[in-house]
């Protein structure tokens, strides 16, 4: 089973991702998940500003491993 998580990001983050509005992400959530697994992090915006990034659980675990 693959688990997804959303992590918030701050301004100035250099994440190169596909960007979705909240409405698009809600309507195509399965696609957002699939693309996060296959293509990397997916950015979701609200009111034109980056709000969250969806990443595959494996990537999240790799990036947070050993950081407490």
PDB file of N, CA and C in Angstrom:
ATOM      1  N   UNK A   1       0.842  -1.184   0.000  1.00  0.00           N
ATOM      2  CA  UNK A   1       0.000   0.000   0.000  1.00  0.00           C
ATOM      3  C   UNK A   1       0.882   1.240   0.000  1.00  0.00           C
ATOM      4  N   UNK A   2       0.600   2.187  -0.872  1.00  0.00           N
ATOM      5  CA  UNK A   2       1.337   3.436  -0.928  1.00  0.00           C
ATOM      6  C   UNK A   2       0.536   4.499  -0.211  1.00  0.00           C
ATOM      7  N   UNK A   3       1.193   5.218   0.683  1.00  0.00           N
ATOM      8  CA  UNK A   3       0.554   6.279   1.440  1.00  0.00           C
ATOM      9  C   UNK A   3       1.109   7.605   0.956  1.00  0.00           C
ATOM     10  N   UNK A   4       0.244   8.578   0.768  1.00  0.00           N
ATOM     11  CA  UNK A   4       0.675   9.904   0.345  1.00  0.00           C
ATOM     12  C   UNK A   4       0.532  10.861   1.512  1.00  0.00           C
ATOM     13  N   UNK A   5       1.323  11.902   1.501  1.00  0.00           N
ATOM     14  CA  UNK A   5       1.204  12.941   2.500  1.00  0.00           C
ATOM     15  C   UNK A   5       1.334  14.290   1.818  1.00  0.00           C
ATOM     16  N   UNK A   6       0.824  15.308   2.445  1.00  0.00           N
ATOM     17  CA  UNK A   6       1.000  16.656   1.925  1.00  0.00           C
ATOM     18  C   UNK A   6       1.897  17.398   2.895  1.00  0.00           C
ATOM     19  N   UNK A   7       2.865  18.129   2.368  1.00  0.00           N
ATOM     20  CA  UNK A   7       3.716  18.928   3.230  1.00  0.00           C
ATOM     21  C   UNK A   7       3.629  20.367   2.771  1.00  0.00           C
ATOM     22  N   UNK A   8       3.629  21.279   3.734  1.00  0.00           N
ATOM     23  CA  UNK A   8       3.572  22.684   3.361  1.00  0.00           C
ATOM     24  C   UNK A   8       4.960  23.141   2.948  1.00  0.00           C
ATOM     25  N   UNK A   9       5.016  24.143   2.085  1.00  0.00           N
ATOM     26  CA  UNK A   9       6.295  24.692   1.658  1.00  0.00           C
ATOM     27  C   UNK A   9       6.268  26.190   1.835  1.00  0.00           C
ATOM     28  N   UNK A  10       7.422  26.767   1.998  1.00  0.00           N
ATOM     29  CA  UNK A  10       7.519  28.204   2.154  1.00  0.00           C
ATOM     30  C   UNK A  10       7.823  28.886   0.840  1.00  0.00           C
ATOM     31  N   UNK A  11       7.764  30.170   0.828  1.00  0.00           N
ATOM     32  CA  UNK A  11       8.104  30.938  -0.356  1.00  0.00           C
ATOM     33  C   UNK A  11       9.579  30.730  -0.675  1.00  0.00           C
ATOM     34  N   UNK A  12       9.907  30.748  -1.954  1.00  0.00           N
ATOM     35  CA  UNK A  12      11.291  30.616  -2.364  1.00  0.00           C
ATOM     36  C   UNK A  12      11.770  29.184  -2.467  1.00  0.00           C
ATOM     37  N   UNK A  13      10.890  28.218  -2.333  1.00  0.00           N
ATOM     38  CA  UNK A  13      11.267  26.807  -2.443  1.00  0.00           C
ATOM     39  C   UNK A  13      11.541  26.496  -3.912  1.00  0.00           C
ATOM     40  N   UNK A  14      12.624  25.778  -4.182  1.00  0.00           N
ATOM     41  CA  UNK A  14      13.019  25.480  -5.555  1.00  0.00           C
ATOM     42  C   UNK A  14      12.506  24.131  -6.033  1.00  0.00           C
ATOM     43  N   UNK A  15      11.295  23.763  -5.693  1.00  0.00           N
ATOM     44  CA  UNK A  15      10.727  22.490  -6.113  1.00  0.00           C
ATOM     45  C   UNK A  15      10.233  22.633  -7.546  1.00  0.00           C
ATOM     46  N   UNK A  16      10.737  21.785  -8.455  1.00  0.00           N
ATOM     47  CA  UNK A  16      10.318  21.825  -9.859  1.00  0.00           C
ATOM     48  C   UNK A  16       9.216  20.789 -10.043  1.00  0.00           C
ATOM     49  N   UNK A  17       7.967  21.219 -10.048  1.00  0.00           N
ATOM     50  CA  UNK A  17       6.839  20.303 -10.079  1.00  0.00           C
ATOM     51  C   UNK A  17       5.782  20.780 -11.049  1.00  0.00           C
ATOM     52  N   UNK A  18       4.830  19.894 -11.303  1.00  0.00           N
ATOM     53  CA  UNK A  18       3.621  20.318 -12.018  1.00  0.00           C
ATOM     54  C   UNK A  18       2.762  21.058 -11.010  1.00  0.00           C
ATOM     55  N   UNK A  19       2.094  22.102 -11.448  1.00  0.00           N
ATOM     56  CA  UNK A  19       1.273  22.913 -10.551  1.00  0.00           C
ATOM     57  C   UNK A  19      -0.204  22.707 -10.838  1.00  0.00           C
ATOM     58  N   UNK A  20      -0.976  22.561  -9.779  1.00  0.00           N
ATOM     59  CA  UNK A  20      -2.424  22.363  -9.847  1.00  0.00           C
ATOM     60  C   UNK A  20      -3.094  23.398  -8.963  1.00  0.00           C
ATOM     61  N   UNK A  21      -4.242  23.903  -9.381  1.00  0.00           N
ATOM     62  CA  UNK A  21      -5.051  24.708  -8.465  1.00  0.00           C
ATOM     63  C   UNK A  21      -5.755  23.741  -7.513  1.00  0.00           C
ATOM     64  N   UNK A  22      -6.282  24.258  -6.428  1.00  0.00           N
ATOM     65  CA  UNK A  22      -7.024  23.410  -5.494  1.00  0.00           C
ATOM     66  C   UNK A  22      -8.186  22.730  -6.211  1.00  0.00           C
ATOM     67  N   UNK A  23      -8.911  23.476  -7.041  1.00  0.00           N
ATOM     68  CA  UNK A  23     -10.050  22.901  -7.758  1.00  0.00           C
ATOM     69  C   UNK A  23      -9.619  21.766  -8.683  1.00  0.00           C
ATOM     70  N   UNK A  24      -8.507  21.979  -9.419  1.00  0.00           N
ATOM     71  CA  UNK A  24      -7.997  20.924 -10.301  1.00  0.00           C
ATOM     72  C   UNK A  24      -7.573  19.695  -9.493  1.00  0.00           C
ATOM     73  N   UNK A  25      -6.861  19.935  -8.401  1.00  0.00           N
ATOM     74  CA  UNK A  25      -6.373  18.828  -7.571  1.00  0.00           C
ATOM     75  C   UNK A  25      -7.531  18.032  -6.967  1.00  0.00           C
ATOM     76  N   UNK A  26      -8.589  18.730  -6.551  1.00  0.00           N
ATOM     77  CA  UNK A  26      -9.757  18.028  -6.017  1.00  0.00           C
ATOM     78  C   UNK A  26     -10.427  17.178  -7.087  1.00  0.00           C
ATOM     79  N   UNK A  27     -10.564  17.750  -8.270  1.00  0.00           N
ATOM     80  CA  UNK A  27     -11.248  17.052  -9.358  1.00  0.00           C
ATOM     81  C   UNK A  27     -10.437  15.876  -9.901  1.00  0.00           C
ATOM     82  N   UNK A  28      -9.112  15.964  -9.786  1.00  0.00           N
ATOM     83  CA  UNK A  28      -8.234  14.948 -10.374  1.00  0.00           C
ATOM     84  C   UNK A  28      -7.266  14.384  -9.344  1.00  0.00           C
ATOM     85  N   UNK A  29      -7.745  14.187  -8.115  1.00  0.00           N
ATOM     86  CA  UNK A  29      -6.854  13.788  -7.026  1.00  0.00           C
ATOM     87  C   UNK A  29      -6.102  12.494  -7.326  1.00  0.00           C
ATOM     88  N   UNK A  30      -6.765  11.519  -7.926  1.00  0.00           N
ATOM     89  CA  UNK A  30      -6.085  10.266  -8.284  1.00  0.00           C
ATOM     90  C   UNK A  30      -4.935  10.527  -9.256  1.00  0.00           C
ATOM     91  N   UNK A  31      -5.141  11.434 -10.188  1.00  0.00           N
ATOM     92  CA  UNK A  31      -4.081  11.779 -11.139  1.00  0.00           C
ATOM     93  C   UNK A  31      -2.929  12.488 -10.435  1.00  0.00           C
ATOM     94  N   UNK A  32      -3.248  13.378  -9.498  1.00  0.00           N
ATOM     95  CA  UNK A  32      -2.207  14.059  -8.721  1.00  0.00           C
ATOM     96  C   UNK A  32      -1.350  13.016  -7.996  1.00  0.00           C
ATOM     97  N   UNK A  33      -1.994  12.038  -7.381  1.00  0.00           N
ATOM     98  CA  UNK A  33      -1.270  10.979  -6.674  1.00  0.00           C
ATOM     99  C   UNK A  33      -0.399  10.188  -7.646  1.00  0.00           C
ATOM    100  N   UNK A  34      -0.968   9.767  -8.757  1.00  0.00           N
ATOM    101  CA  UNK A  34      -0.204   8.992  -9.741  1.00  0.00           C
ATOM    102  C   UNK A  34       1.012   9.771 -10.236  1.00  0.00           C
ATOM    103  N   UNK A  35       0.835  11.061 -10.510  1.00  0.00           N
ATOM    104  CA  UNK A  35       1.948  11.869 -11.004  1.00  0.00           C
ATOM    105  C   UNK A  35       2.989  12.107  -9.921  1.00  0.00           C
ATOM    106  N   UNK A  36       2.565  12.236  -8.679  1.00  0.00           N
ATOM    107  CA  UNK A  36       3.534  12.379  -7.582  1.00  0.00           C
ATOM    108  C   UNK A  36       4.396  11.121  -7.469  1.00  0.00           C
ATOM    109  N   UNK A  37       3.778   9.962  -7.683  1.00  0.00           N
ATOM    110  CA  UNK A  37       4.520   8.706  -7.619  1.00  0.00           C
ATOM    111  C   UNK A  37       5.453   8.540  -8.798  1.00  0.00           C
ATOM    112  N   UNK A  38       5.019   8.936  -9.995  1.00  0.00           N
ATOM    113  CA  UNK A  38       5.813   8.673 -11.194  1.00  0.00           C
ATOM    114  C   UNK A  38       6.694   9.844 -11.632  1.00  0.00           C
ATOM    115  N   UNK A  39       6.237  11.083 -11.422  1.00  0.00           N
ATOM    116  CA  UNK A  39       6.957  12.251 -11.930  1.00  0.00           C
ATOM    117  C   UNK A  39       7.574  13.120 -10.858  1.00  0.00           C
ATOM    118  N   UNK A  40       7.284  12.839  -9.597  1.00  0.00           N
ATOM    119  CA  UNK A  40       7.827  13.670  -8.529  1.00  0.00           C
ATOM    120  C   UNK A  40       6.771  14.569  -7.912  1.00  0.00           C
ATOM    121  N   UNK A  41       7.198  15.437  -7.002  1.00  0.00           N
ATOM    122  CA  UNK A  41       6.280  16.286  -6.240  1.00  0.00           C
ATOM    123  C   UNK A  41       5.336  17.099  -7.129  1.00  0.00           C
ATOM    124  N   UNK A  42       4.110  17.278  -6.633  1.00  0.00           N
ATOM    125  CA  UNK A  42       3.072  18.029  -7.332  1.00  0.00           C
ATOM    126  C   UNK A  42       2.651  19.210  -6.449  1.00  0.00           C
ATOM    127  N   UNK A  43       2.791  20.416  -6.966  1.00  0.00           N
ATOM    128  CA  UNK A  43       2.459  21.617  -6.213  1.00  0.00           C
ATOM    129  C   UNK A  43       0.977  21.947  -6.376  1.00  0.00           C
ATOM    130  N   UNK A  44       0.353  22.333  -5.273  1.00  0.00           N
ATOM    131  CA  UNK A  44      -1.046  22.781  -5.297  1.00  0.00           C
ATOM    132  C   UNK A  44      -1.078  24.227  -4.835  1.00  0.00           C
ATOM    133  N   UNK A  45      -1.780  25.058  -5.614  1.00  0.00           N
ATOM    134  CA  UNK A  45      -1.863  26.481  -5.292  1.00  0.00           C
ATOM    135  C   UNK A  45      -3.267  26.854  -4.826  1.00  0.00           C
ATOM    136  N   UNK A  46      -3.313  27.889  -4.023  1.00  0.00           N
ATOM    137  CA  UNK A  46      -4.592  28.471  -3.585  1.00  0.00           C
ATOM    138  C   UNK A  46      -4.462  29.978  -3.768  1.00  0.00           C
ATOM    139  N   UNK A  47      -5.402  30.564  -4.468  1.00  0.00           N
ATOM    140  CA  UNK A  47      -5.375  32.006  -4.748  1.00  0.00           C
ATOM    141  C   UNK A  47      -4.065  32.422  -5.403  1.00  0.00           C
ATOM    142  N   UNK A  48      -3.542  31.567  -6.286  1.00  0.00           N
ATOM    143  CA  UNK A  48      -2.344  31.891  -7.033  1.00  0.00           C
ATOM    144  C   UNK A  48      -1.029  31.732  -6.286  1.00  0.00           C
ATOM    145  N   UNK A  49      -1.076  31.257  -5.049  1.00  0.00           N
ATOM    146  CA  UNK A  49       0.140  31.088  -4.250  1.00  0.00           C
ATOM    147  C   UNK A  49       0.366  29.629  -3.921  1.00  0.00           C
ATOM    148  N   UNK A  50       1.624  29.199  -3.987  1.00  0.00           N
ATOM    149  CA  UNK A  50       1.941  27.819  -3.623  1.00  0.00           C
ATOM    150  C   UNK A  50       1.514  27.568  -2.190  1.00  0.00           C
ATOM    151  N   UNK A  51       0.798  26.458  -1.981  1.00  0.00           N
ATOM    152  CA  UNK A  51       0.263  26.158  -0.661  1.00  0.00           C
ATOM    153  C   UNK A  51       0.807  24.852  -0.110  1.00  0.00           C
ATOM    154  N   UNK A  52       0.735  23.785  -0.900  1.00  0.00           N
ATOM    155  CA  UNK A  52       1.225  22.476  -0.460  1.00  0.00           C
ATOM    156  C   UNK A  52       1.873  21.750  -1.632  1.00  0.00           C
ATOM    157  N   UNK A  53       2.640  20.710  -1.284  1.00  0.00           N
ATOM    158  CA  UNK A  53       3.230  19.838  -2.287  1.00  0.00           C
ATOM    159  C   UNK A  53       2.870  18.412  -1.919  1.00  0.00           C
ATOM    160  N   UNK A  54       2.376  17.643  -2.883  1.00  0.00           N
ATOM    161  CA  UNK A  54       2.064  16.230  -2.674  1.00  0.00           C
ATOM    162  C   UNK A  54       3.280  15.439  -3.142  1.00  0.00           C
ATOM    163  N   UNK A  55       3.796  14.589  -2.259  1.00  0.00           N
ATOM    164  CA  UNK A  55       4.945  13.744  -2.600  1.00  0.00           C
ATOM    165  C   UNK A  55       4.625  12.295  -2.283  1.00  0.00           C
ATOM    166  N   UNK A  56       5.292  11.382  -2.985  1.00  0.00           N
ATOM    167  CA  UNK A  56       5.147   9.955  -2.690  1.00  0.00           C
ATOM    168  C   UNK A  56       5.719   9.680  -1.305  1.00  0.00           C
ATOM    169  N   UNK A  57       5.136   8.728  -0.606  1.00  0.00           N
ATOM    170  CA  UNK A  57       5.583   8.391   0.743  1.00  0.00           C
ATOM    171  C   UNK A  57       7.057   8.002   0.752  1.00  0.00           C
ATOM    172  N   UNK A  58       7.491   7.266  -0.268  1.00  0.00           N
ATOM    173  CA  UNK A  58       8.883   6.845  -0.322  1.00  0.00           C
ATOM    174  C   UNK A  58       9.822   8.048  -0.363  1.00  0.00           C
ATOM    175  N   UNK A  59       9.453   9.067  -1.128  1.00  0.00           N
ATOM    176  CA  UNK A  59      10.275  10.273  -1.198  1.00  0.00           C
ATOM    177  C   UNK A  59      10.266  11.009   0.132  1.00  0.00           C
ATOM    178  N   UNK A  60       9.102  11.120   0.740  1.00  0.00           N
ATOM    179  CA  UNK A  60       8.987  11.778   2.050  1.00  0.00           C
ATOM    180  C   UNK A  60       9.870  11.080   3.074  1.00  0.00           C
ATOM    181  N   UNK A  61       9.819   9.740   3.106  1.00  0.00           N
ATOM    182  CA  UNK A  61      10.625   8.980   4.057  1.00  0.00           C
ATOM    183  C   UNK A  61      12.117   9.182   3.787  1.00  0.00           C
ATOM    184  N   UNK A  62      12.512   9.206   2.522  1.00  0.00           N
ATOM    185  CA  UNK A  62      13.919   9.435   2.168  1.00  0.00           C
ATOM    186  C   UNK A  62      14.392  10.808   2.637  1.00  0.00           C
ATOM    187  N   UNK A  63      13.548  11.816   2.439  1.00  0.00           N
ATOM    188  CA  UNK A  63      13.952  13.180   2.792  1.00  0.00           C
ATOM    189  C   UNK A  63      13.910  13.459   4.282  1.00  0.00           C
ATOM    190  N   UNK A  64      13.100  12.719   5.031  1.00  0.00           N
ATOM    191  CA  UNK A  64      12.980  12.974   6.464  1.00  0.00           C
ATOM    192  C   UNK A  64      13.720  11.967   7.331  1.00  0.00           C
ATOM    193  N   UNK A  65      14.238  10.909   6.738  1.00  0.00           N
ATOM    194  CA  UNK A  65      14.924   9.869   7.495  1.00  0.00           C
ATOM    195  C   UNK A  65      16.123  10.449   8.240  1.00  0.00           C
ATOM    196  N   UNK A  66      16.168  10.146   9.524  1.00  0.00           N
ATOM    197  CA  UNK A  66      17.299  10.572  10.329  1.00  0.00           C
ATOM    198  C   UNK A  66      17.281  12.031  10.751  1.00  0.00           C
ATOM    199  N   UNK A  67      16.198  12.734  10.461  1.00  0.00           N
ATOM    200  CA  UNK A  67      16.124  14.144  10.856  1.00  0.00           C
ATOM    201  C   UNK A  67      15.292  14.341  12.122  1.00  0.00           C
ATOM    202  N   UNK A  68      15.050  13.257  12.823  1.00  0.00           N
ATOM    203  CA  UNK A  68      14.311  13.349  14.080  1.00  0.00           C
ATOM    204  C   UNK A  68      12.876  13.344  13.877  1.00  0.00           C
TER     205      UNK A  68
END
